[in-house]
Amino acid sequence: MRTSALPLLTAASLLCMGVFAQAQNVITVPGDPVELVNGVNDGDANSGPPPAAEGVEHAIDGVTQKYLNFLDLGSGFAVTPSLGPTVVTGLRLFTANDAVERDPASYLLEGSTSGFGGAWTLISTGALALPDGRNAGGSIAIDPAVHFNQTVLFANSAWYTSYRITFPTLKDAAAANSMQIAEVQLLGTVIPEPSTLALLGLAGLAWLAPRRRAEHLGSHLHF
């Protein structure tokens, strides 16, 4: 019986991607291109740009300094991970230093393969329940084992090169004058380079060769 190498190569590639897709690594790093996403004011008198010390870059800077947006409902940010194409299967959100009412109460995550200006595809959306515990601001390195946070996991197998996360609602919009978050970590895996998949395919062929030799010998043995 002849065994085709192509299905094995494909299986090896898919197996590799499946294993990586189950990993939960932070796929953004400080300094990745990030873009402010404004929402709509919830009716209070605060509607200017984020304070100078609380800009959108603090959403992914790896420290506890917060990002704040006065155009709060539906505000957030977009980011293009420098790691390249990724599959995101989770979010980890860290609370800011004060004002529990400003915490996001829901999220909407979208992906794009053509940058910040491209079409956006929904990946996941849902409610949030961030802890009331506060994280001190400043330049303290984010640590999920120490700092107050919520992790949200979801199914996704599609890769993207840019992501947009927005927060449609707040814990108490009537009392809040803004949306704030100390840090957002996108969790998932980096898509392997084609050369990596090719190596996995070669490994699969190396595994297949002894089987094919054994089958060939077996077909010529007669008792």
Protein backbone atom coordinates (compact mmCIF):
# COMPACT_ATOMS: atom_id res chain seq x y z
CA MET A 1 0.00 0.00 0.00
CA ARG A 2 1.39 3.41 -1.01
CA THR A 3 1.26 6.22 1.55
CA SER A 4 1.08 9.80 0.33
CA ALA A 5 3.49 12.23 1.98
CA LEU A 6 1.28 15.26 1.30
CA PRO A 7 -1.41 14.52 3.91
CA LEU A 8 1.30 13.92 6.50
CA LEU A 9 2.98 17.22 5.65
CA THR A 10 -0.35 18.99 5.96
CA ALA A 11 -1.14 17.16 9.19
CA ALA A 12 2.22 18.13 10.65
CA SER A 13 1.61 21.77 9.76
CA LEU A 14 -1.89 21.75 11.19
CA LEU A 15 -0.72 19.94 14.31
CA CYS A 16 1.95 22.59 14.81
CA MET A 17 -0.58 25.40 14.42
CA GLY A 18 -3.01 23.62 16.70
CA VAL A 19 -0.43 23.28 19.46
CA PHE A 20 0.60 26.92 19.10
CA ALA A 21 -3.03 28.05 19.03
CA GLN A 22 -3.52 26.58 22.49
CA ALA A 23 -0.67 28.63 23.93
CA GLN A 24 -1.47 31.75 25.91
CA ASN A 25 1.40 34.15 25.36
CA VAL A 26 1.27 37.95 25.40
CA ILE A 27 1.55 38.93 21.73
CA THR A 28 2.07 42.69 22.16
CA VAL A 29 5.22 44.42 23.40
CA PRO A 30 5.81 48.02 24.52
CA GLY A 31 6.45 50.19 21.49
CA ASP A 32 4.15 48.31 19.11
CA PRO A 33 2.24 50.72 16.84
CA VAL A 34 -0.90 51.76 18.70
CA GLU A 35 -3.76 54.05 17.68
CA LEU A 36 -6.27 55.91 19.82
CA VAL A 37 -9.91 54.92 19.37
CA ASN A 38 -12.36 57.49 20.70
CA GLY A 39 -15.90 56.66 21.74
CA VAL A 40 -18.77 58.99 22.52
CA ASN A 41 -19.20 61.17 25.57
CA ASP A 42 -21.67 59.81 28.10
CA GLY A 43 -23.23 63.21 28.75
CA ASP A 44 -20.83 64.81 31.21
CA ALA A 45 -18.70 67.91 30.68
CA ASN A 46 -15.47 66.01 30.05
CA SER A 47 -14.76 65.36 26.39
CA GLY A 48 -11.18 66.40 25.65
CA PRO A 49 -8.22 64.25 24.63
CA PRO A 50 -6.56 61.88 27.11
CA PRO A 51 -4.33 63.60 29.68
CA ALA A 52 -0.69 63.84 28.58
CA ALA A 53 0.46 61.32 31.18
CA GLU A 54 -2.39 58.89 30.46
CA GLY A 55 -2.25 58.45 26.71
CA VAL A 56 -3.22 55.41 24.68
CA GLU A 57 0.37 54.11 24.59
CA HIS A 58 -0.04 53.16 28.26
CA ALA A 59 -2.56 50.46 27.28
CA ILE A 60 0.30 48.17 26.21
CA ASP A 61 3.42 49.63 27.86
CA GLY A 62 3.93 46.78 30.33
CA VAL A 63 3.63 48.96 33.44
CA THR A 64 0.75 50.01 35.69
CA GLN A 65 0.41 53.57 34.37
CA LYS A 66 -3.14 53.84 32.99
CA TYR A 67 -4.74 54.85 29.70
CA LEU A 68 -7.73 57.18 30.13
CA ASN A 69 -10.25 58.41 27.55
CA PHE A 70 -12.92 61.09 28.21
CA LEU A 71 -14.81 60.07 25.06
CA ASP A 72 -15.57 56.98 27.02
CA LEU A 73 -18.39 54.81 25.69
CA GLY A 74 -16.94 52.68 22.91
CA SER A 75 -13.40 53.98 23.37
CA GLY A 76 -10.30 51.81 23.29
CA PHE A 77 -7.31 51.34 21.02
CA ALA A 78 -5.93 49.52 17.99
CA VAL A 79 -2.54 47.82 17.87
CA THR A 80 -0.34 46.09 15.29
CA PRO A 81 1.86 43.52 17.07
CA SER A 82 5.44 43.65 15.82
CA LEU A 83 5.59 39.85 16.14
CA GLY A 84 3.62 39.55 12.90
CA PRO A 85 0.50 37.46 12.19
CA THR A 86 -1.04 36.07 15.36
CA VAL A 87 -4.05 34.12 16.59
CA VAL A 88 -5.57 35.77 19.66
CA THR A 89 -7.59 33.58 22.02
CA GLY A 90 -7.72 35.69 25.16
CA LEU A 91 -7.45 39.05 26.88
CA ARG A 92 -6.06 40.04 30.25
CA LEU A 93 -7.15 43.41 31.61
CA PHE A 94 -5.61 45.20 34.59
CA THR A 95 -7.47 47.75 36.69
CA ALA A 96 -6.31 51.34 37.06
CA ASN A 97 -5.40 53.20 40.25
CA ASP A 98 -8.75 54.76 41.19
CA ALA A 99 -12.41 55.34 40.26
CA VAL A 100 -13.97 51.86 39.95
CA GLU A 101 -16.89 53.39 38.04
CA ARG A 102 -14.59 54.05 35.06
CA ASP A 103 -13.76 50.37 34.58
CA PRO A 104 -14.93 48.79 31.31
CA ALA A 105 -17.98 46.56 31.77
CA SER A 106 -17.85 44.96 28.31
CA TYR A 107 -15.41 44.50 25.45
CA LEU A 108 -15.41 44.10 21.68
CA LEU A 109 -12.33 42.64 19.97
CA GLU A 110 -11.85 42.84 16.20
CA GLY A 111 -9.04 41.83 13.86
CA SER A 112 -7.68 43.14 10.57
CA THR A 113 -5.19 41.86 8.00
CA SER A 114 -4.69 45.27 6.36
CA GLY A 115 -3.66 47.59 9.16
CA PHE A 116 -5.55 50.22 11.10
CA GLY A 117 -7.48 51.42 8.07
CA GLY A 118 -8.60 48.03 6.86
CA ALA A 119 -11.82 46.13 7.28
CA TRP A 120 -12.36 44.82 10.83
CA THR A 121 -13.72 41.37 11.62
CA LEU A 122 -15.35 40.52 14.94
CA ILE A 123 -13.36 38.02 17.00
CA SER A 124 -15.07 38.14 20.39
CA THR A 125 -17.37 40.31 22.49
CA GLY A 126 -18.82 39.96 25.96
CA ALA A 127 -19.29 41.25 29.48
CA LEU A 128 -16.46 42.05 31.88
CA ALA A 129 -16.28 41.86 35.67
CA LEU A 130 -13.03 43.58 36.58
CA PRO A 131 -12.10 43.35 40.26
CA ASP A 132 -12.67 46.38 42.48
CA GLY A 133 -9.05 46.14 43.67
CA ARG A 134 -6.88 48.96 42.34
CA ASN A 135 -3.35 48.83 40.92
CA ALA A 136 -1.00 51.65 41.82
CA GLY A 137 -0.04 53.80 38.85
CA GLY A 138 3.46 54.67 37.73
CA SER A 139 6.23 52.58 36.22
CA ILE A 140 5.67 49.33 38.11
CA ALA A 141 6.10 46.32 35.82
CA ILE A 142 2.80 44.51 35.22
CA ASP A 143 2.59 41.09 36.87
CA PRO A 144 -0.63 39.05 36.61
CA ALA A 145 0.34 37.12 39.74
CA VAL A 146 0.43 40.33 41.77
CA HIS A 147 -1.79 42.94 40.12
CA PHE A 148 -5.59 42.95 39.99
CA ASN A 149 -6.83 41.71 36.63
CA GLN A 150 -9.40 39.68 34.74
CA THR A 151 -8.58 37.10 32.07
CA VAL A 152 -11.09 36.34 29.32
CA LEU A 153 -10.59 33.32 27.04
CA PHE A 154 -12.50 32.53 23.86
CA ALA A 155 -12.37 30.29 20.80
CA ASN A 156 -10.67 31.66 17.71
CA SER A 157 -8.63 30.09 14.92
CA ALA A 158 -8.27 33.07 12.55
CA TRP A 159 -5.03 35.02 12.35
CA TYR A 160 -4.75 38.79 12.02
CA THR A 161 -2.00 41.40 11.91
CA SER A 162 -3.83 44.21 13.73
CA TYR A 163 -6.39 44.28 16.52
CA ARG A 164 -8.94 46.78 17.78
CA ILE A 165 -10.39 46.51 21.27
CA THR A 166 -13.14 48.84 22.42
CA PHE A 167 -15.23 49.07 25.56
CA PRO A 168 -18.92 49.76 24.80
CA THR A 169 -20.01 50.10 28.45
CA LEU A 170 -18.62 51.08 31.86
CA LYS A 171 -19.34 49.86 35.36
CA ASP A 172 -21.20 53.10 36.19
CA ALA A 173 -21.34 55.46 33.22
CA ALA A 174 -23.56 57.92 35.09
CA ALA A 175 -20.88 58.45 37.71
CA ALA A 176 -17.83 58.09 35.44
CA ASN A 177 -16.30 60.95 33.47
CA SER A 178 -14.05 58.65 31.43
CA MET A 179 -12.95 55.10 30.63
CA GLN A 180 -9.67 53.91 32.12
CA ILE A 181 -7.57 50.77 32.08
CA ALA A 182 -4.03 50.16 33.34
CA GLU A 183 -3.03 47.51 30.81
CA VAL A 184 -4.52 45.20 28.21
CA GLN A 185 -2.66 42.04 27.23
CA LEU A 186 -3.69 40.21 24.08
CA LEU A 187 -3.09 36.50 24.58
CA GLY A 188 -2.46 33.97 21.87
CA THR A 189 0.25 32.69 19.58
CA VAL A 190 2.44 33.81 16.73
CA ILE A 191 1.84 32.09 13.37
CA PRO A 192 5.00 30.14 12.43
CA GLU A 193 7.03 31.37 9.47
CA PRO A 194 6.63 29.29 6.29
CA SER A 195 10.19 28.02 6.75
CA THR A 196 9.22 26.64 10.16
CA LEU A 197 6.26 24.79 8.68
CA ALA A 198 8.51 23.43 5.94
CA LEU A 199 10.88 22.04 8.56
CA LEU A 200 7.96 20.38 10.31
CA GLY A 201 6.95 18.89 7.00
CA LEU A 202 10.45 17.50 6.53
CA ALA A 203 10.29 16.03 10.02
CA GLY A 204 7.05 14.35 9.05
CA LEU A 205 8.64 12.92 5.93
CA ALA A 206 11.54 11.60 8.02
CA TRP A 207 9.01 9.83 10.21
CA LEU A 208 7.18 8.46 7.19
CA ALA A 209 10.25 7.02 5.42
CA PRO A 210 10.82 4.02 7.78
CA ARG A 211 7.12 3.16 7.58
CA ARG A 212 7.20 3.16 3.80
CA ARG A 213 10.34 0.97 3.78
CA ALA A 214 8.68 -1.48 6.18
CA GLU A 215 5.55 -1.59 4.05
CA HIS A 216 7.65 -2.14 0.93
CA LEU A 217 9.57 -5.02 2.51
CA GLY A 218 6.38 -6.53 3.85
CA SER A 219 4.81 -6.55 0.41
CA HIS A 220 7.69 -8.71 -0.90
CA LEU A 221 7.65 -11.31 1.87
CA HIS A 222 5.77 -14.52 1.08
CA PHE A 223 5.26 -17.46 3.44
